[in-house]
Amino acid sequence: MKIFALSVFEAVPSGSATLLTSATNLSSFSFYQKGSVGEFMTFFSKTVAERTPQGQRQTVQENNYTAHVYNRGGAERLAAVIITDDEYPVRPAFSLLTKVLDDFTAKVPQSSYSNPSGIDFGEINAYLEKYQDPGQADAIMRVQQELDETKIVLHKTIESVLERGEKLDNLVERSNALSMQSKMFYKTAKKQNSCCVIM
């Protein structure tokens, strides 16, 4: 079980999400892949944050990655996204997102959202490391029993989050946030993950 990325966004309704803070653990990737994987994780997180309605939680799977997103909405207009492998349990992931949003709201004034580079929220790195073991979320889970009553929408593919007729391949191709190297990495990874039939 592994957490690859943890991010907090300002998610304006019907607008573009702004990355406020993030942390990644890409140690399982080679030196040459880390840059492209990091860019794709940010792109993936931003996309699901923008496409999750306020007040909702959802889980989106893409290839071997699972993004859990909680768009709290409200006055803060914050959304948190965690990208894990397929084995990481859902409940601790959402408990962690709730904890991160609570701490972020308490420590970072909303007036600083307009200058994300000036936001100092080093706790996000500690959360990323500590919760690599989902058992660490048990204390949070006791406090967050509301998750059992909250509807979590599970989307089997990112296509169900995208707008009608929109494809992830097209979004990746049009994105200015991804370098050519990252776009090639995405295409290569997708090709390698597809199933082949030998006649």
C-alpha atoms as a PDB file:
ATOM      1  CA  MET A   1       0.000   0.000   0.000  1.00  0.00           C
ATOM      2  CA  LYS A   2       1.360   3.369  -0.996  1.00  0.00           C
ATOM      3  CA  ILE A   3       0.434   7.041  -1.109  1.00  0.00           C
ATOM      4  CA  PHE A   4       2.006   8.800  -4.096  1.00  0.00           C
ATOM      5  CA  ALA A   5       0.604  12.325  -3.756  1.00  0.00           C
ATOM      6  CA  LEU A   6      -1.400  14.486  -1.381  1.00  0.00           C
ATOM      7  CA  SER A   7      -2.692  17.902  -2.502  1.00  0.00           C
ATOM      8  CA  VAL A   8      -4.927  20.769  -1.386  1.00  0.00           C
ATOM      9  CA  PHE A   9      -6.685  22.922  -3.990  1.00  0.00           C
ATOM     10  CA  GLU A  10      -8.833  25.999  -3.972  1.00  0.00           C
ATOM     11  CA  ALA A  11     -11.763  24.631  -5.980  1.00  0.00           C
ATOM     12  CA  VAL A  12     -13.898  27.458  -7.278  1.00  0.00           C
ATOM     13  CA  PRO A  13     -17.283  26.167  -8.535  1.00  0.00           C
ATOM     14  CA  SER A  14     -17.356  25.910 -12.342  1.00  0.00           C
ATOM     15  CA  GLY A  15     -13.799  27.199 -12.540  1.00  0.00           C
ATOM     16  CA  SER A  16     -10.190  26.118 -12.572  1.00  0.00           C
ATOM     17  CA  ALA A  17      -8.756  24.633  -9.364  1.00  0.00           C
ATOM     18  CA  THR A  18      -5.624  26.291  -7.940  1.00  0.00           C
ATOM     19  CA  LEU A  19      -2.976  24.101  -6.290  1.00  0.00           C
ATOM     20  CA  LEU A  20      -2.268  25.544  -2.834  1.00  0.00           C
ATOM     21  CA  THR A  21       0.075  22.887  -1.415  1.00  0.00           C
ATOM     22  CA  SER A  22       1.145  19.338  -2.205  1.00  0.00           C
ATOM     23  CA  ALA A  23       3.560  16.571  -1.295  1.00  0.00           C
ATOM     24  CA  THR A  24       4.678  13.543  -3.292  1.00  0.00           C
ATOM     25  CA  ASN A  25       6.471  10.281  -2.649  1.00  0.00           C
ATOM     26  CA  LEU A  26       7.799   9.057  -5.981  1.00  0.00           C
ATOM     27  CA  SER A  27      10.593   6.871  -4.578  1.00  0.00           C
ATOM     28  CA  SER A  28       9.201   3.792  -6.345  1.00  0.00           C
ATOM     29  CA  PHE A  29       9.848   5.401  -9.761  1.00  0.00           C
ATOM     30  CA  SER A  30      13.173   5.706 -11.539  1.00  0.00           C
ATOM     31  CA  PHE A  31      15.052   8.999 -11.607  1.00  0.00           C
ATOM     32  CA  TYR A  32      14.065   9.523 -15.251  1.00  0.00           C
ATOM     33  CA  GLN A  33      10.356   8.910 -14.606  1.00  0.00           C
ATOM     34  CA  LYS A  34       9.916  11.060 -11.482  1.00  0.00           C
ATOM     35  CA  GLY A  35       9.443  14.388 -13.294  1.00  0.00           C
ATOM     36  CA  SER A  36       6.833  13.064 -15.692  1.00  0.00           C
ATOM     37  CA  VAL A  37       5.029  11.051 -13.022  1.00  0.00           C
ATOM     38  CA  GLY A  38       4.953  14.105 -10.739  1.00  0.00           C
ATOM     39  CA  GLU A  39       3.455  16.269 -13.485  1.00  0.00           C
ATOM     40  CA  PHE A  40       0.840  13.637 -14.276  1.00  0.00           C
ATOM     41  CA  MET A  41      -0.092  13.254 -10.575  1.00  0.00           C
ATOM     42  CA  THR A  42      -0.641  17.031 -10.340  1.00  0.00           C
ATOM     43  CA  PHE A  43      -2.681  17.033 -13.576  1.00  0.00           C
ATOM     44  CA  PHE A  44      -4.767  14.053 -12.433  1.00  0.00           C
ATOM     45  CA  SER A  45      -5.377  15.629  -8.990  1.00  0.00           C
ATOM     46  CA  LYS A  46      -6.370  18.997 -10.472  1.00  0.00           C
ATOM     47  CA  THR A  47      -8.771  17.350 -12.944  1.00  0.00           C
ATOM     48  CA  VAL A  48     -10.630  15.311 -10.318  1.00  0.00           C
ATOM     49  CA  ALA A  49     -10.720  18.274  -7.903  1.00  0.00           C
ATOM     50  CA  GLU A  50     -12.357  20.426 -10.597  1.00  0.00           C
ATOM     51  CA  ARG A  51     -14.847  17.695 -11.534  1.00  0.00           C
ATOM     52  CA  THR A  52     -16.011  16.843  -8.004  1.00  0.00           C
ATOM     53  CA  PRO A  53     -19.087  18.823  -6.907  1.00  0.00           C
ATOM     54  CA  GLN A  54     -18.883  20.794  -3.664  1.00  0.00           C
ATOM     55  CA  GLY A  55     -19.721  18.816  -0.568  1.00  0.00           C
ATOM     56  CA  GLN A  56     -18.956  15.457  -2.173  1.00  0.00           C
ATOM     57  CA  ARG A  57     -16.353  12.749  -1.896  1.00  0.00           C
ATOM     58  CA  GLN A  58     -15.494  10.392  -4.716  1.00  0.00           C
ATOM     59  CA  THR A  59     -12.957   7.822  -5.798  1.00  0.00           C
ATOM     60  CA  VAL A  60     -11.594   7.732  -9.346  1.00  0.00           C
ATOM     61  CA  GLN A  61      -9.385   4.995 -10.783  1.00  0.00           C
ATOM     62  CA  GLU A  62      -6.961   5.472 -13.664  1.00  0.00           C
ATOM     63  CA  ASN A  63      -4.631   2.637 -14.640  1.00  0.00           C
ATOM     64  CA  ASN A  64      -2.899   1.524 -11.413  1.00  0.00           C
ATOM     65  CA  TYR A  65      -3.684   4.734  -9.518  1.00  0.00           C
ATOM     66  CA  THR A  66      -6.655   5.639  -7.370  1.00  0.00           C
ATOM     67  CA  ALA A  67      -7.509   9.262  -6.586  1.00  0.00           C
ATOM     68  CA  HIS A  68      -9.690   9.929  -3.562  1.00  0.00           C
ATOM     69  CA  VAL A  69     -11.053  13.466  -3.532  1.00  0.00           C
ATOM     70  CA  TYR A  70     -13.032  15.443  -0.982  1.00  0.00           C
ATOM     71  CA  ASN A  71     -14.385  18.782  -2.186  1.00  0.00           C
ATOM     72  CA  ARG A  72     -15.508  20.380   1.053  1.00  0.00           C
ATOM     73  CA  GLY A  73     -16.781  23.516  -0.665  1.00  0.00           C
ATOM     74  CA  GLY A  74     -18.264  26.069   1.700  1.00  0.00           C
ATOM     75  CA  ALA A  75     -16.693  29.448   2.337  1.00  0.00           C
ATOM     76  CA  GLU A  76     -13.127  28.101   2.043  1.00  0.00           C
ATOM     77  CA  ARG A  77     -13.798  26.378  -1.316  1.00  0.00           C
ATOM     78  CA  LEU A  78     -11.157  23.757  -0.540  1.00  0.00           C
ATOM     79  CA  ALA A  79     -10.682  20.303  -2.025  1.00  0.00           C
ATOM     80  CA  ALA A  80      -8.101  17.693  -1.034  1.00  0.00           C
ATOM     81  CA  VAL A  81      -6.877  14.844  -3.238  1.00  0.00           C
ATOM     82  CA  ILE A  82      -4.845  11.773  -2.342  1.00  0.00           C
ATOM     83  CA  ILE A  83      -3.436   9.471  -5.034  1.00  0.00           C
ATOM     84  CA  THR A  84      -2.698   5.928  -3.895  1.00  0.00           C
ATOM     85  CA  ASP A  85      -2.167   2.492  -5.330  1.00  0.00           C
ATOM     86  CA  ASP A  86      -5.199   0.203  -5.704  1.00  0.00           C
ATOM     87  CA  GLU A  87      -4.555  -1.550  -2.367  1.00  0.00           C
ATOM     88  CA  TYR A  88      -4.837   1.509  -0.114  1.00  0.00           C
ATOM     89  CA  PRO A  89      -8.167   1.339   1.797  1.00  0.00           C
ATOM     90  CA  VAL A  90     -10.846   3.940   1.122  1.00  0.00           C
ATOM     91  CA  ARG A  91     -11.832   4.796   4.682  1.00  0.00           C
ATOM     92  CA  PRO A  92      -8.349   5.865   5.917  1.00  0.00           C
ATOM     93  CA  ALA A  93      -7.863   7.838   2.689  1.00  0.00           C
ATOM     94  CA  PHE A  94     -10.984   9.925   3.313  1.00  0.00           C
ATOM     95  CA  SER A  95     -10.152  10.258   7.017  1.00  0.00           C
ATOM     96  CA  LEU A  96      -6.761  11.677   6.044  1.00  0.00           C
ATOM     97  CA  LEU A  97      -8.329  14.119   3.554  1.00  0.00           C
ATOM     98  CA  THR A  98     -10.698  15.407   6.241  1.00  0.00           C
ATOM     99  CA  LYS A  99      -7.819  15.823   8.717  1.00  0.00           C
ATOM    100  CA  VAL A 100      -5.661  17.652   6.147  1.00  0.00           C
ATOM    101  CA  LEU A 101      -8.501  20.052   5.261  1.00  0.00           C
ATOM    102  CA  ASP A 102      -9.230  20.732   8.955  1.00  0.00           C
ATOM    103  CA  ASP A 103      -5.582  21.524   9.704  1.00  0.00           C
ATOM    104  CA  PHE A 104      -5.096  23.543   6.523  1.00  0.00           C
ATOM    105  CA  THR A 105      -8.163  25.672   7.302  1.00  0.00           C
ATOM    106  CA  ALA A 106      -6.953  26.225  10.877  1.00  0.00           C
ATOM    107  CA  LYS A 107      -3.370  27.179   9.950  1.00  0.00           C
ATOM    108  CA  VAL A 108      -3.570  28.924   6.572  1.00  0.00           C
ATOM    109  CA  PRO A 109      -5.578  32.144   6.252  1.00  0.00           C
ATOM    110  CA  GLN A 110      -7.896  32.302   3.253  1.00  0.00           C
ATOM    111  CA  SER A 111      -6.351  35.637   2.259  1.00  0.00           C
ATOM    112  CA  SER A 112      -3.129  33.777   1.322  1.00  0.00           C
ATOM    113  CA  TYR A 113      -4.880  31.609  -1.313  1.00  0.00           C
ATOM    114  CA  SER A 114      -4.232  34.297  -3.936  1.00  0.00           C
ATOM    115  CA  ASN A 115      -0.453  33.706  -3.538  1.00  0.00           C
ATOM    116  CA  PRO A 116       0.007  29.898  -3.363  1.00  0.00           C
ATOM    117  CA  SER A 117       3.805  30.133  -3.482  1.00  0.00           C
ATOM    118  CA  GLY A 118       3.705  31.972  -0.152  1.00  0.00           C
ATOM    119  CA  ILE A 119       1.689  29.269   1.628  1.00  0.00           C
ATOM    120  CA  ASP A 120       3.664  27.453   4.318  1.00  0.00           C
ATOM    121  CA  PHE A 121       1.960  24.178   5.225  1.00  0.00           C
ATOM    122  CA  GLY A 122       4.853  21.792   5.891  1.00  0.00           C
ATOM    123  CA  GLU A 123       2.511  19.443   7.752  1.00  0.00           C
ATOM    124  CA  ILE A 124       1.430  17.969   4.418  1.00  0.00           C
ATOM    125  CA  ASN A 125       4.805  16.212   4.089  1.00  0.00           C
ATOM    126  CA  ALA A 126       4.420  14.721   7.570  1.00  0.00           C
ATOM    127  CA  TYR A 127       0.932  13.468   6.705  1.00  0.00           C
ATOM    128  CA  LEU A 128       2.200  11.876   3.493  1.00  0.00           C
ATOM    129  CA  GLU A 129       4.891   9.946   5.359  1.00  0.00           C
ATOM    130  CA  LYS A 130       2.885   9.041   8.469  1.00  0.00           C
ATOM    131  CA  TYR A 131      -0.144   7.713   6.629  1.00  0.00           C
ATOM    132  CA  GLN A 132       1.771   5.462   4.240  1.00  0.00           C
ATOM    133  CA  ASP A 133       0.572   2.965   6.846  1.00  0.00           C
ATOM    134  CA  PRO A 134      -3.249   3.229   6.779  1.00  0.00           C
ATOM    135  CA  GLY A 135      -3.353   1.845  10.319  1.00  0.00           C
ATOM    136  CA  GLN A 136      -2.129   5.266  11.474  1.00  0.00           C
ATOM    137  CA  ALA A 137      -5.529   6.660  10.534  1.00  0.00           C
ATOM    138  CA  ASP A 138      -7.382   4.620  13.170  1.00  0.00           C
ATOM    139  CA  ALA A 139      -7.536   7.500  15.659  1.00  0.00           C
ATOM    140  CA  ILE A 140      -8.886   9.776  12.965  1.00  0.00           C
ATOM    141  CA  MET A 141     -11.379   7.117  11.892  1.00  0.00           C
ATOM    142  CA  ARG A 142     -12.917   6.981  15.375  1.00  0.00           C
ATOM    143  CA  VAL A 143     -13.443  10.735  15.299  1.00  0.00           C
ATOM    144  CA  GLN A 144     -14.719  10.689  11.716  1.00  0.00           C
ATOM    145  CA  GLN A 145     -17.541   8.135  12.031  1.00  0.00           C
ATOM    146  CA  GLU A 146     -19.616  10.337   9.777  1.00  0.00           C
ATOM    147  CA  LEU A 147     -17.825   8.742   6.832  1.00  0.00           C
ATOM    148  CA  ASP A 148     -19.993   5.663   7.249  1.00  0.00           C
ATOM    149  CA  GLU A 149     -23.054   7.796   6.614  1.00  0.00           C
ATOM    150  CA  THR A 150     -21.521   9.818   3.801  1.00  0.00           C
ATOM    151  CA  LYS A 151     -22.213   8.753   0.247  1.00  0.00           C
ATOM    152  CA  ILE A 152     -18.922   8.084  -1.517  1.00  0.00           C
ATOM    153  CA  VAL A 153     -19.307   7.864  -5.256  1.00  0.00           C
ATOM    154  CA  LEU A 154     -17.041   5.274  -6.801  1.00  0.00           C
ATOM    155  CA  HIS A 155     -16.171   5.882 -10.417  1.00  0.00           C
ATOM    156  CA  LYS A 156     -14.505   2.955 -12.117  1.00  0.00           C
ATOM    157  CA  THR A 157     -12.724   5.147 -14.641  1.00  0.00           C
ATOM    158  CA  ILE A 158     -11.843   8.796 -15.014  1.00  0.00           C
ATOM    159  CA  GLU A 159     -14.058   8.901 -18.104  1.00  0.00           C
ATOM    160  CA  SER A 160     -17.115   8.973 -15.843  1.00  0.00           C
ATOM    161  CA  VAL A 161     -15.813  12.199 -14.236  1.00  0.00           C
ATOM    162  CA  LEU A 162     -15.125  13.908 -17.534  1.00  0.00           C
ATOM    163  CA  GLU A 163     -17.795  15.789 -19.392  1.00  0.00           C
ATOM    164  CA  ARG A 164     -19.811  14.038 -22.089  1.00  0.00           C
ATOM    165  CA  GLY A 165     -17.673  13.326 -25.130  1.00  0.00           C
ATOM    166  CA  GLU A 166     -14.476  14.368 -23.343  1.00  0.00           C
ATOM    167  CA  LYS A 167     -11.553  11.935 -23.223  1.00  0.00           C
ATOM    168  CA  LEU A 168      -8.560  11.912 -20.881  1.00  0.00           C
ATOM    169  CA  ASP A 169      -6.265  11.427 -23.884  1.00  0.00           C
ATOM    170  CA  ASN A 170      -7.587  14.679 -25.397  1.00  0.00           C
ATOM    171  CA  LEU A 171      -7.199  16.556 -22.088  1.00  0.00           C
ATOM    172  CA  VAL A 172      -3.606  15.346 -21.748  1.00  0.00           C
ATOM    173  CA  GLU A 173      -2.826  16.340 -25.340  1.00  0.00           C
ATOM    174  CA  ARG A 174      -4.304  19.860 -24.937  1.00  0.00           C
ATOM    175  CA  SER A 175      -2.880  20.510 -21.483  1.00  0.00           C
ATOM    176  CA  ASN A 176      -0.348  23.296 -21.111  1.00  0.00           C
ATOM    177  CA  ALA A 177       0.483  22.005 -17.619  1.00  0.00           C
ATOM    178  CA  LEU A 178       2.181  18.873 -18.992  1.00  0.00           C
ATOM    179  CA  SER A 179       5.501  18.859 -20.802  1.00  0.00           C
ATOM    180  CA  MET A 180       5.974  16.873 -24.016  1.00  0.00           C
ATOM    181  CA  GLN A 181       7.990  14.351 -21.987  1.00  0.00           C
ATOM    182  CA  SER A 182       5.079  13.845 -19.564  1.00  0.00           C
ATOM    183  CA  LYS A 183       2.629  13.439 -22.446  1.00  0.00           C
ATOM    184  CA  MET A 184       4.882  10.784 -23.977  1.00  0.00           C
ATOM    185  CA  PHE A 185       5.184   9.070 -20.580  1.00  0.00           C
ATOM    186  CA  TYR A 186       1.379   8.948 -20.298  1.00  0.00           C
ATOM    187  CA  LYS A 187       1.003   7.457 -23.791  1.00  0.00           C
ATOM    188  CA  THR A 188       3.741   4.880 -23.170  1.00  0.00           C
ATOM    189  CA  ALA A 189       2.312   3.870 -19.786  1.00  0.00           C
ATOM    190  CA  LYS A 190      -1.177   3.529 -21.248  1.00  0.00           C
ATOM    191  CA  LYS A 191       0.160   1.409 -24.104  1.00  0.00           C
ATOM    192  CA  GLN A 192       2.068  -0.879 -21.700  1.00  0.00           C
ATOM    193  CA  ASN A 193      -0.992  -1.314 -19.472  1.00  0.00           C
ATOM    194  CA  SER A 194      -3.237  -2.371 -22.361  1.00  0.00           C
ATOM    195  CA  CYS A 195      -3.844  -6.071 -22.840  1.00  0.00           C
ATOM    196  CA  CYS A 196      -2.482  -7.831 -25.913  1.00  0.00           C
ATOM    197  CA  VAL A 197      -3.789 -10.919 -27.648  1.00  0.00           C
ATOM    198  CA  ILE A 198      -1.352 -13.122 -29.578  1.00  0.00           C
ATOM    199  CA  MET A 199      -2.833 -15.172 -32.402  1.00  0.00           C
END
